[in-house]
Amino acid sequence: MFVTSPPALRPSLWAPLALTVAGGALATVLGAAPAQAAEAPKRCVVDVAGPYQKEVERLLRLRVDGHQSSAECAAIQAFQRREGISPANGYASGATRYMAVVAQARKKPGVGSRCPVRKRRVACVDLTRQLMWVQKGRKITYGVVPIRTGRPGKETRRGWHQVFRKKKNEISTLYDNTPMPHSQYFSGGQALHGSYSNLFSGPGSAGCINLRPKDAARLWRALGVWDYVYVFGRKPLR
C-alpha cells in the first residue's frame, strides 16, 4: 500500500483534523461504543481472505471456498457492524470468527445437553467455545456473550461452583492494580468480572472469567450470591 503526502493546509485547518485523530485514539483507549467503533471503516477488504475465512463463511452460511468475493466481504462487514467488531472491514479475523460462534450459539446454546438444568439460576461457562449464558430451568435469563478464561497453567477451575462474594468496584492487588469491575467470586480468587483489555487476543486470563465491561454489568444484575456457576469443556489452544 502506498501512502501519499497530504496537500498543504493552513494551520487553522489542521486543528479540527488533529482533534478528530486524537479523539479516535482516545476512544480506542477508553473503549468506544461498539456501534461507533464498527462504523468507522466504509470499505471492504476485497480479494483478501482472512486467516479464518472458511470458518467464518461456514458460520455465516456463505459459500465455503476460502476466497473473498465482494459479496462475501459485504456480508462479513455487515455482521461485524451488527456485533460491534472493529475494524468492520469485511476481513475474516479471529474476533470475527469468535463472535460468529457466539452468534450461532445464541440460537441453540446447549441448555440441558451442555449445561445441566437446575431449578435455581446457573451461570453456564463453556470453555470450549469461550462463551457463557445464564439459565433458570430451561429458560435463558442472560443471553450468550463472549468470555476469556484462564491461560495454560492458570486454568479456570471446571465443575460446579457458587457465587460467594460480589464486589462492584474491585481492583486486583496481584496484577498491577488492574480494574475488575462487577466482580463475582465463585472459586477462591477466581471471579466473573469485566475487563478493559481485548478479549479476542492473548493466551487468556490468570484464571478469572473475563467479560466485556457492559456484559459484566448486566451479569451483575442477573446473578446473586449462592447462584450456581458451572464450568465445562476444555479451552482450545490459540
Protein backbone atom coordinates (compact mmCIF):
# COMPACT_ATOMS: atom_id res chain seq x y z
CA MET A 1 0.00 0.00 0.00
CA PHE A 2 1.37 3.44 -0.95
CA VAL A 3 0.95 6.45 1.28
CA THR A 4 0.85 9.85 -0.39
CA SER A 5 1.66 13.10 1.34
CA PRO A 6 -1.35 15.25 2.28
CA PRO A 7 -1.86 18.55 0.48
CA ALA A 8 -0.60 21.66 2.23
CA LEU A 9 -3.17 23.05 4.65
CA ARG A 10 -3.29 26.23 6.68
CA PRO A 11 -2.59 25.63 10.41
CA SER A 12 -6.18 26.60 11.18
CA LEU A 13 -7.41 23.70 9.05
CA TRP A 14 -5.14 21.15 10.73
CA ALA A 15 -6.66 21.72 14.18
CA PRO A 16 -10.03 20.01 13.55
CA LEU A 17 -8.23 17.13 11.84
CA ALA A 18 -5.85 16.72 14.79
CA LEU A 19 -8.77 16.75 17.21
CA THR A 20 -10.52 14.09 15.16
CA VAL A 21 -7.47 11.81 15.13
CA ALA A 22 -6.78 12.38 18.81
CA GLY A 23 -10.40 11.75 19.65
CA GLY A 24 -10.33 8.47 17.76
CA ALA A 25 -7.22 7.34 19.60
CA LEU A 26 -8.76 8.31 22.94
CA ALA A 27 -11.94 6.43 22.09
CA THR A 28 -9.87 3.34 21.35
CA VAL A 29 -8.18 3.56 24.74
CA LEU A 30 -11.36 4.22 26.68
CA GLY A 31 -13.47 1.74 24.73
CA ALA A 32 -15.79 3.47 22.29
CA ALA A 33 -19.35 2.29 21.94
CA PRO A 34 -19.32 -0.84 19.72
CA ALA A 35 -21.57 0.66 17.06
CA GLN A 36 -19.45 3.82 16.81
CA ALA A 37 -16.20 1.87 16.64
CA ALA A 38 -17.51 -0.51 13.99
CA GLU A 39 -18.98 2.14 11.69
CA ALA A 40 -15.68 3.91 11.02
CA PRO A 41 -14.42 1.78 8.07
CA LYS A 42 -16.58 2.32 4.98
CA ARG A 43 -14.94 -0.05 2.51
CA CYS A 44 -14.44 -3.79 2.45
CA VAL A 45 -11.11 -5.54 2.10
CA VAL A 46 -11.99 -7.19 -1.21
CA ASP A 47 -9.96 -10.14 -2.54
CA VAL A 48 -8.12 -10.55 0.78
CA ALA A 49 -9.01 -13.81 2.52
CA GLY A 50 -8.59 -13.67 6.29
CA PRO A 51 -6.98 -16.40 8.39
CA TYR A 52 -10.44 -17.67 9.42
CA GLN A 53 -12.07 -17.25 6.01
CA LYS A 54 -13.55 -20.74 5.59
CA GLU A 55 -14.73 -20.98 9.18
CA VAL A 56 -16.40 -17.55 9.04
CA GLU A 57 -18.03 -18.46 5.72
CA ARG A 58 -19.41 -21.65 7.27
CA LEU A 59 -20.66 -19.95 10.43
CA LEU A 60 -22.32 -17.13 8.45
CA ARG A 61 -23.74 -19.59 5.91
CA LEU A 62 -21.85 -18.13 2.97
CA ARG A 63 -20.30 -20.10 0.13
CA VAL A 64 -17.43 -22.01 1.74
CA ASP A 65 -14.47 -21.79 -0.62
CA GLY A 66 -11.87 -19.82 1.32
CA HIS A 67 -11.86 -17.00 -1.23
CA GLN A 68 -13.02 -13.46 -0.57
CA SER A 69 -15.51 -12.01 -3.05
CA SER A 70 -17.07 -8.55 -2.91
CA ALA A 71 -20.41 -10.08 -1.85
CA GLU A 72 -18.79 -12.11 0.93
CA CYS A 73 -16.82 -9.09 2.08
CA ALA A 74 -20.01 -7.04 2.32
CA ALA A 75 -21.77 -9.83 4.25
CA ILE A 76 -18.89 -10.17 6.72
CA GLN A 77 -18.69 -6.40 7.13
CA ALA A 78 -22.44 -6.19 7.87
CA PHE A 79 -22.03 -8.91 10.52
CA GLN A 80 -19.07 -7.07 12.07
CA ARG A 81 -21.11 -3.89 12.33
CA ARG A 82 -24.01 -5.72 13.98
CA GLU A 83 -21.68 -7.29 16.55
CA GLY A 84 -19.61 -4.17 17.25
CA ILE A 85 -16.37 -5.60 15.85
CA SER A 86 -13.72 -3.03 14.99
CA PRO A 87 -12.48 -2.56 12.36
CA ALA A 88 -15.58 -3.54 10.39
CA ASN A 89 -13.75 -4.08 7.11
CA GLY A 90 -15.00 -7.47 5.92
CA TYR A 91 -11.77 -9.25 6.88
CA ALA A 92 -12.25 -12.71 8.45
CA SER A 93 -10.27 -12.04 11.62
CA GLY A 94 -10.08 -14.06 14.82
CA ALA A 95 -12.51 -11.69 16.54
CA THR A 96 -14.96 -12.16 13.66
CA ARG A 97 -14.76 -15.95 13.93
CA TYR A 98 -15.17 -15.73 17.70
CA MET A 99 -18.32 -13.58 17.50
CA ALA A 100 -19.71 -15.79 14.71
CA VAL A 101 -19.50 -18.72 17.15
CA VAL A 102 -21.28 -16.63 19.80
CA ALA A 103 -23.99 -15.58 17.32
CA GLN A 104 -24.57 -19.19 16.30
CA ALA A 105 -24.76 -20.29 19.95
CA ARG A 106 -27.49 -17.74 20.69
CA LYS A 107 -29.89 -19.89 18.67
CA LYS A 108 -29.01 -23.12 20.47
CA PRO A 109 -26.57 -22.59 23.37
CA GLY A 110 -26.84 -26.08 24.86
CA VAL A 111 -29.37 -25.96 27.68
CA GLY A 112 -29.55 -29.47 29.13
CA SER A 113 -27.12 -31.07 26.68
CA ARG A 114 -24.07 -28.97 27.57
CA CYS A 115 -25.16 -27.25 30.78
CA PRO A 116 -27.31 -29.21 33.29
CA VAL A 117 -30.77 -27.87 34.13
CA ARG A 118 -31.46 -26.85 37.72
CA LYS A 119 -34.36 -25.07 39.40
CA ARG A 120 -32.04 -22.28 40.54
CA ARG A 121 -30.08 -19.95 38.28
CA VAL A 122 -26.96 -21.40 36.72
CA ALA A 123 -24.19 -19.41 35.02
CA CYS A 124 -23.07 -21.78 32.25
CA VAL A 125 -19.40 -21.26 31.27
CA ASP A 126 -18.38 -23.05 28.07
CA LEU A 127 -14.57 -23.25 27.93
CA THR A 128 -14.53 -24.89 24.50
CA ARG A 129 -16.46 -22.15 22.74
CA GLN A 130 -15.33 -19.37 25.13
CA LEU A 131 -18.83 -18.12 25.85
CA MET A 132 -21.39 -18.14 28.64
CA TRP A 133 -25.04 -17.64 29.45
CA VAL A 134 -27.36 -17.87 32.48
CA GLN A 135 -30.33 -20.22 32.67
CA LYS A 136 -33.03 -20.99 35.19
CA GLY A 137 -34.57 -24.34 34.42
CA ARG A 138 -34.67 -24.38 30.63
CA LYS A 139 -35.21 -20.65 30.32
CA ILE A 140 -32.25 -18.46 29.35
CA THR A 141 -32.27 -15.38 31.57
CA TYR A 142 -29.00 -13.83 30.34
CA GLY A 143 -28.05 -14.17 26.71
CA VAL A 144 -24.91 -15.74 25.25
CA VAL A 145 -21.83 -13.49 25.50
CA PRO A 146 -18.12 -13.92 24.70
CA ILE A 147 -15.65 -14.55 27.52
CA ARG A 148 -11.93 -15.11 28.09
CA THR A 149 -10.91 -17.80 30.56
CA GLY A 150 -7.63 -18.91 32.13
CA ARG A 151 -4.46 -19.47 30.15
CA PRO A 152 -2.34 -22.66 30.32
CA GLY A 153 -1.02 -23.10 33.84
CA LYS A 154 -3.71 -20.80 35.27
CA GLU A 155 -6.82 -22.56 34.04
CA THR A 156 -10.32 -21.64 35.15
CA ARG A 157 -11.48 -24.38 37.51
CA ARG A 158 -14.04 -26.69 35.99
CA GLY A 159 -17.12 -28.15 37.67
CA TRP A 160 -19.79 -26.80 40.00
CA HIS A 161 -19.28 -23.59 42.00
CA GLN A 162 -21.41 -20.92 43.66
CA VAL A 163 -21.11 -17.16 43.74
CA PHE A 164 -19.99 -16.41 47.28
CA ARG A 165 -18.95 -12.75 47.11
CA LYS A 166 -19.70 -9.76 44.91
CA LYS A 167 -17.70 -6.54 44.70
CA LYS A 168 -18.75 -3.88 42.22
CA ASN A 169 -15.54 -1.82 42.03
CA GLU A 170 -12.83 -4.42 42.55
CA ILE A 171 -9.11 -3.82 41.96
CA SER A 172 -6.62 -6.65 41.54
CA THR A 173 -3.76 -6.32 44.02
CA LEU A 174 -1.97 -9.30 42.45
CA TYR A 175 -1.85 -7.90 38.90
CA ASP A 176 -0.69 -4.27 38.93
CA ASN A 177 -3.91 -2.84 40.39
CA THR A 178 -5.89 -3.90 37.33
CA PRO A 179 -9.58 -2.87 37.46
CA MET A 180 -12.02 -5.79 37.82
CA PRO A 181 -15.44 -4.13 37.55
CA HIS A 182 -18.52 -6.06 38.71
CA SER A 183 -16.55 -8.96 40.22
CA GLN A 184 -18.47 -12.05 41.29
CA TYR A 185 -16.24 -14.61 43.04
CA PHE A 186 -17.07 -18.28 42.60
CA SER A 187 -13.90 -20.28 43.39
CA GLY A 188 -11.20 -18.89 45.66
CA GLY A 189 -9.72 -15.88 43.87
CA GLN A 190 -11.39 -16.69 40.54
CA ALA A 191 -14.25 -14.41 39.59
CA LEU A 192 -16.52 -13.38 36.76
CA HIS A 193 -15.66 -9.74 36.02
CA GLY A 194 -15.33 -7.08 33.38
CA SER A 195 -12.07 -6.47 31.55
CA TYR A 196 -10.97 -3.41 29.56
CA SER A 197 -8.44 -5.41 27.54
CA ASN A 198 -9.11 -7.18 24.27
CA LEU A 199 -10.91 -10.48 24.93
CA PHE A 200 -10.07 -11.73 21.45
CA SER A 201 -6.29 -11.81 21.80
CA GLY A 202 -3.67 -13.35 24.03
CA PRO A 203 -3.47 -16.76 25.73
CA GLY A 204 -6.09 -16.00 28.39
CA SER A 205 -6.64 -14.66 31.88
CA ALA A 206 -4.98 -15.66 35.16
CA GLY A 207 -7.96 -17.90 35.93
CA CYS A 208 -10.82 -15.44 36.11
CA ILE A 209 -13.64 -15.33 33.60
CA ASN A 210 -13.28 -12.03 31.75
CA LEU A 211 -16.24 -10.31 30.10
CA ARG A 212 -16.67 -7.07 28.21
CA PRO A 213 -17.49 -4.33 30.77
CA LYS A 214 -21.08 -3.88 29.55
CA ASP A 215 -21.68 -7.65 29.72
CA ALA A 216 -20.21 -7.83 33.23
CA ALA A 217 -22.54 -5.02 34.34
CA ARG A 218 -25.57 -6.93 33.03
CA LEU A 219 -24.35 -10.17 34.61
CA TRP A 220 -24.04 -8.37 37.96
CA ARG A 221 -27.80 -7.86 37.86
CA ALA A 222 -28.51 -11.35 36.53
CA LEU A 223 -26.72 -13.33 39.28
CA GLY A 224 -26.96 -13.29 43.05
CA VAL A 225 -24.91 -14.69 45.92
CA TRP A 226 -25.17 -18.51 46.09
CA ASP A 227 -26.32 -18.81 42.48
CA TYR A 228 -24.59 -21.68 40.68
CA VAL A 229 -21.68 -21.44 38.24
CA TYR A 230 -21.00 -24.49 36.07
CA VAL A 231 -17.70 -24.52 34.14
CA PHE A 232 -17.36 -27.21 31.45
CA GLY A 233 -15.49 -28.16 28.31
CA ARG A 234 -11.82 -27.54 27.54
CA LYS A 235 -10.29 -24.33 26.28
CA PRO A 236 -8.66 -24.72 22.85
CA LEU A 237 -5.06 -23.61 22.40
CA ARG A 238 -4.73 -20.38 20.43
